[in-house]
Amino acid sequence: MEEKIRARLEELRAYLQADGGDLEIIAIEGKTVKLSLRGACGGCPHATITIKDGIERILKDEIDPEIVVERV
């Protein structure tokens, strides 16, 4: 499952990079994914929405409904 998560996050990075941001995978521990947002995304007031309603939702829908994404 970790490989699937990493591969999908790499695909999603392109969307963040298009807006001047990026993400860094800090850790994947079972079904918990810890990410750090960088660049424009790091200070964006919508970062929590990006994490929960964007990245987490996609991972839950496409890989496993029990995945939790945390911003660190």
N, C-alpha and C. Protein backbone atom coordinates (compact mmCIF):
# COMPACT_ATOMS: atom_id res chain seq x y z
N MET A 1 0.83 -1.19 0.00
CA MET A 1 0.00 0.00 0.00
C MET A 1 0.87 1.25 0.00
N GLU A 2 2.00 1.21 0.71
CA GLU A 2 2.87 2.40 0.76
C GLU A 2 3.33 2.83 -0.63
N GLU A 3 3.63 1.85 -1.48
CA GLU A 3 4.07 2.19 -2.84
C GLU A 3 2.96 2.90 -3.61
N LYS A 4 1.72 2.43 -3.44
CA LYS A 4 0.58 3.06 -4.12
C LYS A 4 0.40 4.50 -3.62
N ILE A 5 0.52 4.69 -2.31
CA ILE A 5 0.37 6.03 -1.74
C ILE A 5 1.45 6.96 -2.28
N ARG A 6 2.70 6.50 -2.24
CA ARG A 6 3.81 7.32 -2.74
C ARG A 6 3.63 7.68 -4.21
N ALA A 7 3.22 6.71 -5.02
CA ALA A 7 3.04 6.95 -6.45
C ALA A 7 1.94 7.99 -6.69
N ARG A 8 0.84 7.87 -5.97
CA ARG A 8 -0.27 8.82 -6.16
C ARG A 8 0.12 10.21 -5.68
N LEU A 9 0.86 10.29 -4.58
CA LEU A 9 1.31 11.60 -4.08
C LEU A 9 2.25 12.26 -5.09
N GLU A 10 3.08 11.48 -5.73
CA GLU A 10 3.97 12.04 -6.76
C GLU A 10 3.16 12.65 -7.89
N GLU A 11 2.07 12.00 -8.27
CA GLU A 11 1.20 12.54 -9.32
C GLU A 11 0.53 13.84 -8.86
N LEU A 12 0.12 13.88 -7.60
CA LEU A 12 -0.57 15.06 -7.07
C LEU A 12 0.38 16.25 -6.90
N ARG A 13 1.66 15.97 -6.72
CA ARG A 13 2.65 17.05 -6.57
C ARG A 13 2.62 18.00 -7.75
N ALA A 14 2.38 17.49 -8.94
CA ALA A 14 2.37 18.32 -10.15
C ALA A 14 1.34 19.44 -10.04
N TYR A 15 0.19 19.14 -9.43
CA TYR A 15 -0.85 20.16 -9.28
C TYR A 15 -0.41 21.24 -8.29
N LEU A 16 0.22 20.83 -7.21
CA LEU A 16 0.72 21.80 -6.24
C LEU A 16 1.84 22.64 -6.83
N GLN A 17 2.72 22.00 -7.58
CA GLN A 17 3.85 22.71 -8.19
C GLN A 17 3.37 23.73 -9.21
N ALA A 18 2.28 23.44 -9.88
CA ALA A 18 1.71 24.38 -10.86
C ALA A 18 1.27 25.68 -10.19
N ASP A 19 0.95 25.60 -8.89
CA ASP A 19 0.53 26.79 -8.14
C ASP A 19 1.66 27.36 -7.28
N GLY A 20 2.88 26.90 -7.51
CA GLY A 20 4.02 27.42 -6.77
C GLY A 20 4.28 26.73 -5.44
N GLY A 21 3.65 25.61 -5.22
CA GLY A 21 3.82 24.88 -3.97
C GLY A 21 4.43 23.51 -4.21
N ASP A 22 4.45 22.72 -3.17
CA ASP A 22 4.98 21.36 -3.26
C ASP A 22 4.61 20.63 -1.98
N LEU A 23 4.84 19.34 -1.97
CA LEU A 23 4.65 18.56 -0.75
C LEU A 23 5.85 17.67 -0.52
N GLU A 24 6.09 17.37 0.73
CA GLU A 24 7.16 16.45 1.11
C GLU A 24 6.54 15.37 1.98
N ILE A 25 6.83 14.12 1.65
CA ILE A 25 6.36 13.00 2.45
C ILE A 25 7.30 12.88 3.64
N ILE A 26 6.78 13.09 4.83
CA ILE A 26 7.59 12.97 6.04
C ILE A 26 7.62 11.51 6.49
N ALA A 27 6.46 10.87 6.50
CA ALA A 27 6.39 9.47 6.91
C ALA A 27 5.08 8.85 6.45
N ILE A 28 5.13 7.55 6.22
CA ILE A 28 3.93 6.77 5.99
C ILE A 28 3.99 5.63 7.00
N GLU A 29 3.07 5.69 7.96
CA GLU A 29 3.04 4.71 9.03
C GLU A 29 1.71 3.98 8.97
N GLY A 30 1.70 2.84 8.34
CA GLY A 30 0.45 2.11 8.14
C GLY A 30 -0.46 2.90 7.24
N LYS A 31 -1.59 3.33 7.78
CA LYS A 31 -2.56 4.10 6.99
C LYS A 31 -2.54 5.58 7.34
N THR A 32 -1.50 6.00 8.05
CA THR A 32 -1.33 7.42 8.38
C THR A 32 -0.20 7.99 7.52
N VAL A 33 -0.53 9.04 6.81
CA VAL A 33 0.43 9.70 5.92
C VAL A 33 0.73 11.08 6.51
N LYS A 34 2.01 11.36 6.74
CA LYS A 34 2.41 12.66 7.28
C LYS A 34 3.11 13.44 6.19
N LEU A 35 2.54 14.61 5.89
CA LEU A 35 3.03 15.46 4.81
C LEU A 35 3.39 16.84 5.33
N SER A 36 4.32 17.45 4.65
CA SER A 36 4.65 18.85 4.87
C SER A 36 4.42 19.57 3.56
N LEU A 37 3.69 20.67 3.62
CA LEU A 37 3.47 21.48 2.42
C LEU A 37 4.57 22.52 2.32
N ARG A 38 5.04 22.77 1.13
CA ARG A 38 6.16 23.68 0.89
C ARG A 38 5.76 24.80 -0.06
N GLY A 39 6.62 25.78 -0.16
CA GLY A 39 6.41 26.88 -1.10
C GLY A 39 5.13 27.63 -0.80
N ALA A 40 4.41 27.98 -1.85
CA ALA A 40 3.17 28.74 -1.70
C ALA A 40 2.14 27.99 -0.87
N CYS A 41 2.17 26.68 -0.93
CA CYS A 41 1.20 25.87 -0.17
C CYS A 41 1.50 25.88 1.33
N GLY A 42 2.75 26.07 1.69
CA GLY A 42 3.14 26.04 3.10
C GLY A 42 2.49 27.12 3.93
N GLY A 43 2.30 28.30 3.36
CA GLY A 43 1.70 29.40 4.10
C GLY A 43 0.28 29.73 3.67
N CYS A 44 -0.27 28.91 2.83
CA CYS A 44 -1.60 29.18 2.30
C CYS A 44 -2.67 28.96 3.37
N PRO A 45 -3.63 29.88 3.47
CA PRO A 45 -4.70 29.69 4.44
C PRO A 45 -5.62 28.51 4.11
N HIS A 46 -5.52 28.00 2.90
CA HIS A 46 -6.35 26.87 2.47
C HIS A 46 -5.60 25.54 2.57
N ALA A 47 -4.46 25.53 3.22
CA ALA A 47 -3.63 24.31 3.29
C ALA A 47 -4.37 23.15 3.93
N THR A 48 -5.13 23.40 4.97
CA THR A 48 -5.88 22.32 5.63
C THR A 48 -6.91 21.73 4.68
N ILE A 49 -7.55 22.58 3.89
CA ILE A 49 -8.51 22.10 2.91
C ILE A 49 -7.80 21.27 1.85
N THR A 50 -6.63 21.71 1.42
CA THR A 50 -5.84 20.97 0.44
C THR A 50 -5.52 19.58 0.98
N ILE A 51 -5.12 19.51 2.24
CA ILE A 51 -4.75 18.22 2.85
C ILE A 51 -5.98 17.32 3.01
N LYS A 52 -7.01 17.81 3.67
CA LYS A 52 -8.16 16.97 4.03
C LYS A 52 -9.14 16.74 2.88
N ASP A 53 -9.56 17.82 2.22
CA ASP A 53 -10.57 17.69 1.18
C ASP A 53 -9.97 17.34 -0.18
N GLY A 54 -8.68 17.50 -0.31
CA GLY A 54 -8.02 17.18 -1.58
C GLY A 54 -7.25 15.88 -1.48
N ILE A 55 -6.07 15.96 -0.92
CA ILE A 55 -5.15 14.82 -0.90
C ILE A 55 -5.74 13.62 -0.15
N GLU A 56 -6.22 13.84 1.06
CA GLU A 56 -6.76 12.72 1.85
C GLU A 56 -7.96 12.08 1.15
N ARG A 57 -8.85 12.89 0.63
CA ARG A 57 -10.04 12.36 -0.05
C ARG A 57 -9.66 11.49 -1.25
N ILE A 58 -8.69 11.96 -2.03
CA ILE A 58 -8.25 11.20 -3.20
C ILE A 58 -7.64 9.87 -2.77
N LEU A 59 -6.77 9.90 -1.76
CA LEU A 59 -6.14 8.65 -1.30
C LEU A 59 -7.19 7.69 -0.74
N LYS A 60 -8.17 8.21 -0.01
CA LYS A 60 -9.23 7.37 0.53
C LYS A 60 -10.07 6.75 -0.59
N ASP A 61 -10.42 7.55 -1.57
CA ASP A 61 -11.26 7.06 -2.68
C ASP A 61 -10.53 6.05 -3.55
N GLU A 62 -9.24 6.28 -3.79
CA GLU A 62 -8.51 5.46 -4.76
C GLU A 62 -7.71 4.31 -4.16
N ILE A 63 -7.35 4.42 -2.87
CA ILE A 63 -6.46 3.40 -2.30
C ILE A 63 -7.09 2.68 -1.11
N ASP A 64 -7.47 3.41 -0.07
CA ASP A 64 -8.03 2.78 1.13
C ASP A 64 -8.84 3.81 1.90
N PRO A 65 -10.09 3.51 2.24
CA PRO A 65 -10.93 4.49 2.93
C PRO A 65 -10.50 4.81 4.35
N GLU A 66 -9.53 4.08 4.89
CA GLU A 66 -9.08 4.33 6.27
C GLU A 66 -7.82 5.19 6.33
N ILE A 67 -7.32 5.66 5.20
CA ILE A 67 -6.12 6.50 5.18
C ILE A 67 -6.42 7.83 5.85
N VAL A 68 -5.47 8.29 6.65
CA VAL A 68 -5.56 9.60 7.31
C VAL A 68 -4.30 10.38 6.91
N VAL A 69 -4.49 11.61 6.47
CA VAL A 69 -3.35 12.46 6.10
C VAL A 69 -3.23 13.56 7.15
N GLU A 70 -2.02 13.70 7.67
CA GLU A 70 -1.73 14.73 8.68
C GLU A 70 -0.70 15.70 8.14
N ARG A 71 -0.89 16.95 8.46
CA ARG A 71 0.09 17.96 8.09
C ARG A 71 1.06 18.15 9.25
N VAL A 72 2.33 18.05 8.96
CA VAL A 72 3.35 18.23 9.99
C VAL A 72 4.31 19.33 9.60
